[in-house]
Amino acid sequence: MANNSSRNRVMVPEAREAMDRFKMEAANEVGVNLKQGYNGDLTSKQAGSVGGQMVKKMIEAYENGLK
């Protein structure tokens, strides 16, 4: 099983900024206050809400691309 550092690594370094903006946008949409850097004070529910919103938006973007 891969360790956390390899799972969380952005494969294309130029994409990190875009992913960070995407994460902040998703957090804003679900009402979670993210800050730059460490966010270890988030509850599991808050972190899951952000991740879930990101997945929802990715699925919508994929589906819209198929039409």
PDB file of N, CA and C in Angstrom:
ATOM      1  N   MET A   1       0.845  -1.183   0.000  1.00  0.00           N
ATOM      2  CA  MET A   1       0.000   0.000   0.000  1.00  0.00           C
ATOM      3  C   MET A   1       0.881   1.234   0.000  1.00  0.00           C
ATOM      4  N   ALA A   2       0.481   2.249  -0.760  1.00  0.00           N
ATOM      5  CA  ALA A   2       1.273   3.474  -0.868  1.00  0.00           C
ATOM      6  C   ALA A   2       1.184   4.292   0.411  1.00  0.00           C
ATOM      7  N   ASN A   3       2.246   5.017   0.696  1.00  0.00           N
ATOM      8  CA  ASN A   3       2.194   5.896   1.862  1.00  0.00           C
ATOM      9  C   ASN A   3       1.499   7.194   1.485  1.00  0.00           C
ATOM     10  N   ASN A   4       1.166   8.007   2.489  1.00  0.00           N
ATOM     11  CA  ASN A   4       0.408   9.236   2.245  1.00  0.00           C
ATOM     12  C   ASN A   4       1.104  10.179   1.289  1.00  0.00           C
ATOM     13  N   SER A   5       2.425  10.284   1.360  1.00  0.00           N
ATOM     14  CA  SER A   5       3.104  11.249   0.515  1.00  0.00           C
ATOM     15  C   SER A   5       2.950  10.906  -0.966  1.00  0.00           C
ATOM     16  N   SER A   6       2.907   9.647  -1.325  1.00  0.00           N
ATOM     17  CA  SER A   6       2.745   9.299  -2.733  1.00  0.00           C
ATOM     18  C   SER A   6       1.288   9.394  -3.175  1.00  0.00           C
ATOM     19  N   ARG A   7       0.350   9.187  -2.275  1.00  0.00           N
ATOM     20  CA  ARG A   7      -1.064   9.300  -2.634  1.00  0.00           C
ATOM     21  C   ARG A   7      -1.477  10.743  -2.820  1.00  0.00           C
ATOM     22  N   ASN A   8      -0.901  11.649  -2.060  1.00  0.00           N
ATOM     23  CA  ASN A   8      -1.305  13.047  -2.104  1.00  0.00           C
ATOM     24  C   ASN A   8      -0.470  13.886  -3.060  1.00  0.00           C
ATOM     25  N   ARG A   9       0.449  13.282  -3.742  1.00  0.00           N
ATOM     26  CA  ARG A   9       1.332  14.010  -4.648  1.00  0.00           C
ATOM     27  C   ARG A   9       0.594  14.344  -5.946  1.00  0.00           C
ATOM     28  N   VAL A  10       0.692  15.588  -6.363  1.00  0.00           N
ATOM     29  CA  VAL A  10       0.127  15.990  -7.640  1.00  0.00           C
ATOM     30  C   VAL A  10       1.100  15.539  -8.717  1.00  0.00           C
ATOM     31  N   MET A  11       0.607  14.787  -9.674  1.00  0.00           N
ATOM     32  CA  MET A  11       1.479  14.210 -10.691  1.00  0.00           C
ATOM     33  C   MET A  11       2.049  15.273 -11.632  1.00  0.00           C
ATOM     34  N   VAL A  12       1.307  16.331 -11.879  1.00  0.00           N
ATOM     35  CA  VAL A  12       1.782  17.425 -12.719  1.00  0.00           C
ATOM     36  C   VAL A  12       1.948  18.636 -11.798  1.00  0.00           C
ATOM     37  N   PRO A  13       3.183  19.013 -11.477  1.00  0.00           N
ATOM     38  CA  PRO A  13       3.401  20.091 -10.506  1.00  0.00           C
ATOM     39  C   PRO A  13       2.653  21.382 -10.838  1.00  0.00           C
ATOM     40  N   GLU A  14       2.486  21.694 -12.108  1.00  0.00           N
ATOM     41  CA  GLU A  14       1.786  22.907 -12.496  1.00  0.00           C
ATOM     42  C   GLU A  14       0.310  22.863 -12.102  1.00  0.00           C
ATOM     43  N   ALA A  15      -0.208  21.689 -11.832  1.00  0.00           N
ATOM     44  CA  ALA A  15      -1.624  21.541 -11.496  1.00  0.00           C
ATOM     45  C   ALA A  15      -1.911  21.841 -10.029  1.00  0.00           C
ATOM     46  N   ARG A  16      -0.889  21.918  -9.190  1.00  0.00           N
ATOM     47  CA  ARG A  16      -1.108  22.127  -7.754  1.00  0.00           C
ATOM     48  C   ARG A  16      -1.910  23.399  -7.484  1.00  0.00           C
ATOM     49  N   GLU A  17      -1.548  24.504  -8.122  1.00  0.00           N
ATOM     50  CA  GLU A  17      -2.250  25.768  -7.892  1.00  0.00           C
ATOM     51  C   GLU A  17      -3.716  25.664  -8.301  1.00  0.00           C
ATOM     52  N   ALA A  18      -3.984  25.032  -9.426  1.00  0.00           N
ATOM     53  CA  ALA A  18      -5.361  24.865  -9.879  1.00  0.00           C
ATOM     54  C   ALA A  18      -6.144  23.983  -8.908  1.00  0.00           C
ATOM     55  N   MET A  19      -5.528  22.926  -8.406  1.00  0.00           N
ATOM     56  CA  MET A  19      -6.208  22.048  -7.439  1.00  0.00           C
ATOM     57  C   MET A  19      -6.473  22.789  -6.133  1.00  0.00           C
ATOM     58  N   ASP A  20      -5.533  23.618  -5.710  1.00  0.00           N
ATOM     59  CA  ASP A  20      -5.740  24.402  -4.486  1.00  0.00           C
ATOM     60  C   ASP A  20      -6.901  25.381  -4.654  1.00  0.00           C
ATOM     61  N   ARG A  21      -6.985  26.029  -5.822  1.00  0.00           N
ATOM     62  CA  ARG A  21      -8.105  26.950  -6.085  1.00  0.00           C
ATOM     63  C   ARG A  21      -9.422  26.181  -6.113  1.00  0.00           C
ATOM     64  N   PHE A  22      -9.407  25.007  -6.744  1.00  0.00           N
ATOM     65  CA  PHE A  22     -10.598  24.159  -6.829  1.00  0.00           C
ATOM     66  C   PHE A  22     -11.062  23.753  -5.429  1.00  0.00           C
ATOM     67  N   LYS A  23     -10.120  23.379  -4.574  1.00  0.00           N
ATOM     68  CA  LYS A  23     -10.453  22.976  -3.211  1.00  0.00           C
ATOM     69  C   LYS A  23     -11.049  24.143  -2.427  1.00  0.00           C
ATOM     70  N   MET A  24     -10.463  25.332  -2.575  1.00  0.00           N
ATOM     71  CA  MET A  24     -10.971  26.513  -1.869  1.00  0.00           C
ATOM     72  C   MET A  24     -12.384  26.864  -2.355  1.00  0.00           C
ATOM     73  N   GLU A  25     -12.615  26.752  -3.649  1.00  0.00           N
ATOM     74  CA  GLU A  25     -13.930  27.031  -4.215  1.00  0.00           C
ATOM     75  C   GLU A  25     -14.962  26.047  -3.666  1.00  0.00           C
ATOM     76  N   ALA A  26     -14.621  24.771  -3.638  1.00  0.00           N
ATOM     77  CA  ALA A  26     -15.539  23.750  -3.123  1.00  0.00           C
ATOM     78  C   ALA A  26     -15.822  23.985  -1.646  1.00  0.00           C
ATOM     79  N   ALA A  27     -14.797  24.332  -0.881  1.00  0.00           N
ATOM     80  CA  ALA A  27     -14.972  24.593   0.550  1.00  0.00           C
ATOM     81  C   ALA A  27     -15.905  25.774   0.761  1.00  0.00           C
ATOM     82  N   ASN A  28     -15.730  26.818  -0.022  1.00  0.00           N
ATOM     83  CA  ASN A  28     -16.586  27.992   0.080  1.00  0.00           C
ATOM     84  C   ASN A  28     -18.038  27.630  -0.216  1.00  0.00           C
ATOM     85  N   GLU A  29     -18.258  26.778  -1.198  1.00  0.00           N
ATOM     86  CA  GLU A  29     -19.612  26.387  -1.593  1.00  0.00           C
ATOM     87  C   GLU A  29     -20.332  25.605  -0.497  1.00  0.00           C
ATOM     88  N   VAL A  30     -19.594  24.851   0.320  1.00  0.00           N
ATOM     89  CA  VAL A  30     -20.239  24.073   1.386  1.00  0.00           C
ATOM     90  C   VAL A  30     -20.101  24.754   2.749  1.00  0.00           C
ATOM     91  N   GLY A  31     -19.541  25.972   2.758  1.00  0.00           N
ATOM     92  CA  GLY A  31     -19.478  26.742   3.996  1.00  0.00           C
ATOM     93  C   GLY A  31     -18.365  26.352   4.946  1.00  0.00           C
ATOM     94  N   VAL A  32     -17.294  25.767   4.429  1.00  0.00           N
ATOM     95  CA  VAL A  32     -16.151  25.396   5.259  1.00  0.00           C
ATOM     96  C   VAL A  32     -15.057  26.433   5.042  1.00  0.00           C
ATOM     97  N   ASN A  33     -14.543  26.968   6.145  1.00  0.00           N
ATOM     98  CA  ASN A  33     -13.515  27.998   6.073  1.00  0.00           C
ATOM     99  C   ASN A  33     -12.137  27.350   6.035  1.00  0.00           C
ATOM    100  N   LEU A  34     -11.572  27.223   4.828  1.00  0.00           N
ATOM    101  CA  LEU A  34     -10.217  26.689   4.669  1.00  0.00           C
ATOM    102  C   LEU A  34      -9.231  27.839   4.697  1.00  0.00           C
ATOM    103  N   LYS A  35      -8.046  27.557   5.177  1.00  0.00           N
ATOM    104  CA  LYS A  35      -6.973  28.541   5.118  1.00  0.00           C
ATOM    105  C   LYS A  35      -5.817  27.934   4.333  1.00  0.00           C
ATOM    106  N   GLN A  36      -4.937  28.769   3.849  1.00  0.00           N
ATOM    107  CA  GLN A  36      -3.763  28.277   3.134  1.00  0.00           C
ATOM    108  C   GLN A  36      -2.911  27.462   4.102  1.00  0.00           C
ATOM    109  N   GLY A  37      -2.388  26.351   3.642  1.00  0.00           N
ATOM    110  CA  GLY A  37      -1.523  25.526   4.485  1.00  0.00           C
ATOM    111  C   GLY A  37      -2.292  24.496   5.276  1.00  0.00           C
ATOM    112  N   TYR A  38      -1.891  24.309   6.511  1.00  0.00           N
ATOM    113  CA  TYR A  38      -2.420  23.256   7.382  1.00  0.00           C
ATOM    114  C   TYR A  38      -3.863  23.513   7.786  1.00  0.00           C
ATOM    115  N   ASN A  39      -4.722  22.517   7.636  1.00  0.00           N
ATOM    116  CA  ASN A  39      -6.123  22.609   8.031  1.00  0.00           C
ATOM    117  C   ASN A  39      -6.510  21.435   8.919  1.00  0.00           C
ATOM    118  N   GLY A  40      -5.592  21.019   9.769  1.00  0.00           N
ATOM    119  CA  GLY A  40      -5.824  19.861  10.633  1.00  0.00           C
ATOM    120  C   GLY A  40      -6.881  20.069  11.697  1.00  0.00           C
ATOM    121  N   ASP A  41      -7.350  21.302  11.831  1.00  0.00           N
ATOM    122  CA  ASP A  41      -8.386  21.570  12.829  1.00  0.00           C
ATOM    123  C   ASP A  41      -9.796  21.320  12.295  1.00  0.00           C
ATOM    124  N   LEU A  42      -9.906  20.929  11.022  1.00  0.00           N
ATOM    125  CA  LEU A  42     -11.215  20.611  10.461  1.00  0.00           C
ATOM    126  C   LEU A  42     -11.741  19.303  11.036  1.00  0.00           C
ATOM    127  N   THR A  43     -13.054  19.238  11.174  1.00  0.00           N
ATOM    128  CA  THR A  43     -13.657  17.964  11.583  1.00  0.00           C
ATOM    129  C   THR A  43     -13.692  17.033  10.376  1.00  0.00           C
ATOM    130  N   SER A  44     -13.893  15.768  10.634  1.00  0.00           N
ATOM    131  CA  SER A  44     -14.021  14.804   9.537  1.00  0.00           C
ATOM    132  C   SER A  44     -15.213  15.159   8.656  1.00  0.00           C
ATOM    133  N   LYS A  45     -16.283  15.625   9.265  1.00  0.00           N
ATOM    134  CA  LYS A  45     -17.474  16.008   8.508  1.00  0.00           C
ATOM    135  C   LYS A  45     -17.158  17.167   7.562  1.00  0.00           C
ATOM    136  N   GLN A  46     -16.423  18.172   8.046  1.00  0.00           N
ATOM    137  CA  GLN A  46     -16.064  19.310   7.205  1.00  0.00           C
ATOM    138  C   GLN A  46     -15.166  18.877   6.048  1.00  0.00           C
ATOM    139  N   ALA A  47     -14.145  18.099   6.359  1.00  0.00           N
ATOM    140  CA  ALA A  47     -13.222  17.640   5.323  1.00  0.00           C
ATOM    141  C   ALA A  47     -13.954  16.782   4.290  1.00  0.00           C
ATOM    142  N   GLY A  48     -14.851  15.928   4.760  1.00  0.00           N
ATOM    143  CA  GLY A  48     -15.634  15.095   3.856  1.00  0.00           C
ATOM    144  C   GLY A  48     -16.567  15.902   2.980  1.00  0.00           C
ATOM    145  N   SER A  49     -17.110  16.976   3.532  1.00  0.00           N
ATOM    146  CA  SER A  49     -17.982  17.854   2.747  1.00  0.00           C
ATOM    147  C   SER A  49     -17.215  18.501   1.605  1.00  0.00           C
ATOM    148  N   VAL A  50     -15.993  18.941   1.887  1.00  0.00           N
ATOM    149  CA  VAL A  50     -15.171  19.562   0.849  1.00  0.00           C
ATOM    150  C   VAL A  50     -14.831  18.531  -0.232  1.00  0.00           C
ATOM    151  N   GLY A  51     -14.355  17.365   0.185  1.00  0.00           N
ATOM    152  CA  GLY A  51     -14.014  16.316  -0.776  1.00  0.00           C
ATOM    153  C   GLY A  51     -15.216  15.871  -1.587  1.00  0.00           C
ATOM    154  N   GLY A  52     -16.353  15.729  -0.933  1.00  0.00           N
ATOM    155  CA  GLY A  52     -17.573  15.326  -1.624  1.00  0.00           C
ATOM    156  C   GLY A  52     -18.012  16.357  -2.653  1.00  0.00           C
ATOM    157  N   GLN A  53     -17.881  17.641  -2.298  1.00  0.00           N
ATOM    158  CA  GLN A  53     -18.240  18.704  -3.242  1.00  0.00           C
ATOM    159  C   GLN A  53     -17.301  18.700  -4.442  1.00  0.00           C
ATOM    160  N   MET A  54     -16.019  18.434  -4.201  1.00  0.00           N
ATOM    161  CA  MET A  54     -15.055  18.367  -5.300  1.00  0.00           C
ATOM    162  C   MET A  54     -15.420  17.230  -6.256  1.00  0.00           C
ATOM    163  N   VAL A  55     -15.754  16.073  -5.704  1.00  0.00           N
ATOM    164  CA  VAL A  55     -16.128  14.923  -6.543  1.00  0.00           C
ATOM    165  C   VAL A  55     -17.405  15.237  -7.320  1.00  0.00           C
ATOM    166  N   LYS A  56     -18.378  15.835  -6.650  1.00  0.00           N
ATOM    167  CA  LYS A  56     -19.632  16.192  -7.314  1.00  0.00           C
ATOM    168  C   LYS A  56     -19.366  17.102  -8.506  1.00  0.00           C
ATOM    169  N   LYS A  57     -18.518  18.105  -8.321  1.00  0.00           N
ATOM    170  CA  LYS A  57     -18.213  19.040  -9.401  1.00  0.00           C
ATOM    171  C   LYS A  57     -17.436  18.363 -10.528  1.00  0.00           C
ATOM    172  N   MET A  58     -16.552  17.434 -10.191  1.00  0.00           N
ATOM    173  CA  MET A  58     -15.806  16.712 -11.232  1.00  0.00           C
ATOM    174  C   MET A  58     -16.743  15.838 -12.057  1.00  0.00           C
ATOM    175  N   ILE A  59     -17.691  15.182 -11.400  1.00  0.00           N
ATOM    176  CA  ILE A  59     -18.655  14.340 -12.111  1.00  0.00           C
ATOM    177  C   ILE A  59     -19.523  15.196 -13.025  1.00  0.00           C
ATOM    178  N   GLU A  60     -19.993  16.348 -12.508  1.00  0.00           N
ATOM    179  CA  GLU A  60     -20.799  17.251 -13.335  1.00  0.00           C
ATOM    180  C   GLU A  60     -20.015  17.715 -14.559  1.00  0.00           C
ATOM    181  N   ALA A  61     -18.751  18.073 -14.365  1.00  0.00           N
ATOM    182  CA  ALA A  61     -17.921  18.542 -15.479  1.00  0.00           C
ATOM    183  C   ALA A  61     -17.747  17.427 -16.509  1.00  0.00           C
ATOM    184  N   TYR A  62     -17.533  16.209 -16.042  1.00  0.00           N
ATOM    185  CA  TYR A  62     -17.378  15.065 -16.957  1.00  0.00           C
ATOM    186  C   TYR A  62     -18.667  14.835 -17.747  1.00  0.00           C
ATOM    187  N   GLU A  63     -19.803  14.834 -17.032  1.00  0.00           N
ATOM    188  CA  GLU A  63     -21.083  14.591 -17.691  1.00  0.00           C
ATOM    189  C   GLU A  63     -21.392  15.689 -18.702  1.00  0.00           C
ATOM    190  N   ASN A  64     -21.084  16.933 -18.376  1.00  0.00           N
ATOM    191  CA  ASN A  64     -21.326  18.040 -19.303  1.00  0.00           C
ATOM    192  C   ASN A  64     -20.435  17.929 -20.531  1.00  0.00           C
ATOM    193  N   GLY A  65     -19.275  17.333 -20.371  1.00  0.00           N
ATOM    194  CA  GLY A  65     -18.357  17.143 -21.506  1.00  0.00           C
ATOM    195  C   GLY A  65     -18.828  16.078 -22.461  1.00  0.00           C
ATOM    196  N   LEU A  66     -19.674  15.161 -21.983  1.00  0.00           N
ATOM    197  CA  LEU A  66     -20.182  14.084 -22.831  1.00  0.00           C
ATOM    198  C   LEU A  66     -21.346  14.530 -23.696  1.00  0.00           C
ATOM    199  N   LYS A  67     -21.947  15.651 -23.361  1.00  0.00           N
ATOM    200  CA  LYS A  67     -23.153  16.100 -24.087  1.00  0.00           C
ATOM    201  C   LYS A  67     -22.809  16.900 -25.292  1.00  0.00           C
TER     202      LYS A  67
END
